[in-house]
Amino acid sequence: MITNAPKSIETHYNGYKGFLARLSQRLTATDRLIDQIVYQLYSLTPAEIAIVEET
């Protein structure tokens, strides 16, 4: 039934909204953690970190 396809896709997407939001939050947190590890690895100063984060 092709006429129901858009509604079915929307229903499927809505079912995954919460999962996608949580996944996005975890990815953001992981990205921040990687940044902090790299800053420590290269012994960046707060001033250097600010420069890196501006770009």
C-alpha atoms as a PDB file:
ATOM      1  CA  MET A   1       0.000   0.000   0.000  1.00  0.00           C
ATOM      2  CA  ILE A   2       2.019   2.906  -1.268  1.00  0.00           C
ATOM      3  CA  THR A   3      -0.463   5.512  -0.042  1.00  0.00           C
ATOM      4  CA  ASN A   4       0.371   4.569   3.560  1.00  0.00           C
ATOM      5  CA  ALA A   5       4.145   4.736   3.055  1.00  0.00           C
ATOM      6  CA  PRO A   6       4.655   8.343   4.245  1.00  0.00           C
ATOM      7  CA  LYS A   7       2.608   7.723   7.398  1.00  0.00           C
ATOM      8  CA  SER A   8       4.427   4.458   8.044  1.00  0.00           C
ATOM      9  CA  ILE A   9       7.815   6.146   7.661  1.00  0.00           C
ATOM     10  CA  GLU A  10       6.746   8.941   9.996  1.00  0.00           C
ATOM     11  CA  THR A  11       5.512   6.447  12.590  1.00  0.00           C
ATOM     12  CA  HIS A  12       8.753   4.480  12.350  1.00  0.00           C
ATOM     13  CA  TYR A  13      10.835   7.655  12.687  1.00  0.00           C
ATOM     14  CA  ASN A  14       8.833   8.869  15.672  1.00  0.00           C
ATOM     15  CA  GLY A  15       9.470   5.541  17.371  1.00  0.00           C
ATOM     16  CA  TYR A  16      13.216   6.152  17.139  1.00  0.00           C
ATOM     17  CA  LYS A  17      13.312   9.830  18.152  1.00  0.00           C
ATOM     18  CA  GLY A  18      14.218   9.086  21.763  1.00  0.00           C
ATOM     19  CA  PHE A  19      16.896   6.610  20.763  1.00  0.00           C
ATOM     20  CA  LEU A  20      18.387   9.080  18.282  1.00  0.00           C
ATOM     21  CA  ALA A  21      18.385  11.871  20.865  1.00  0.00           C
ATOM     22  CA  ARG A  22      20.212   9.690  23.407  1.00  0.00           C
ATOM     23  CA  LEU A  23      22.679   8.529  20.760  1.00  0.00           C
ATOM     24  CA  SER A  24      23.370  12.121  19.761  1.00  0.00           C
ATOM     25  CA  GLN A  25      24.020  13.057  23.408  1.00  0.00           C
ATOM     26  CA  ARG A  26      26.430  10.142  23.827  1.00  0.00           C
ATOM     27  CA  LEU A  27      28.283  11.093  20.654  1.00  0.00           C
ATOM     28  CA  THR A  28      28.608  14.684  21.831  1.00  0.00           C
ATOM     29  CA  ALA A  29      29.938  13.536  25.213  1.00  0.00           C
ATOM     30  CA  THR A  30      32.388  11.170  23.534  1.00  0.00           C
ATOM     31  CA  ASP A  31      33.603  13.948  21.242  1.00  0.00           C
ATOM     32  CA  ARG A  32      34.231  16.201  24.252  1.00  0.00           C
ATOM     33  CA  LEU A  33      36.123  13.414  26.013  1.00  0.00           C
ATOM     34  CA  ILE A  34      38.337  12.830  22.971  1.00  0.00           C
ATOM     35  CA  ASP A  35      39.058  16.562  22.828  1.00  0.00           C
ATOM     36  CA  GLN A  36      40.123  16.562  26.485  1.00  0.00           C
ATOM     37  CA  ILE A  37      42.379  13.540  25.977  1.00  0.00           C
ATOM     38  CA  VAL A  38      44.066  15.175  22.971  1.00  0.00           C
ATOM     39  CA  TYR A  39      44.547  18.427  24.900  1.00  0.00           C
ATOM     40  CA  GLN A  40      46.248  16.492  27.700  1.00  0.00           C
ATOM     41  CA  LEU A  41      48.302  14.433  25.260  1.00  0.00           C
ATOM     42  CA  TYR A  42      49.738  17.582  23.706  1.00  0.00           C
ATOM     43  CA  SER A  43      49.912  19.463  27.042  1.00  0.00           C
ATOM     44  CA  LEU A  44      47.898  22.374  25.687  1.00  0.00           C
ATOM     45  CA  THR A  45      47.430  25.410  27.867  1.00  0.00           C
ATOM     46  CA  PRO A  46      43.983  26.902  28.429  1.00  0.00           C
ATOM     47  CA  ALA A  47      44.897  29.687  25.985  1.00  0.00           C
ATOM     48  CA  GLU A  48      45.872  27.159  23.315  1.00  0.00           C
ATOM     49  CA  ILE A  49      42.696  25.169  23.920  1.00  0.00           C
ATOM     50  CA  ALA A  50      40.643  28.333  23.445  1.00  0.00           C
ATOM     51  CA  ILE A  51      42.347  28.938  20.093  1.00  0.00           C
ATOM     52  CA  VAL A  52      41.689  25.363  18.968  1.00  0.00           C
ATOM     53  CA  GLU A  53      38.045  25.504  20.015  1.00  0.00           C
ATOM     54  CA  GLU A  54      37.469  28.773  18.139  1.00  0.00           C
ATOM     55  CA  THR A  55      38.263  27.130  14.819  1.00  0.00           C
END
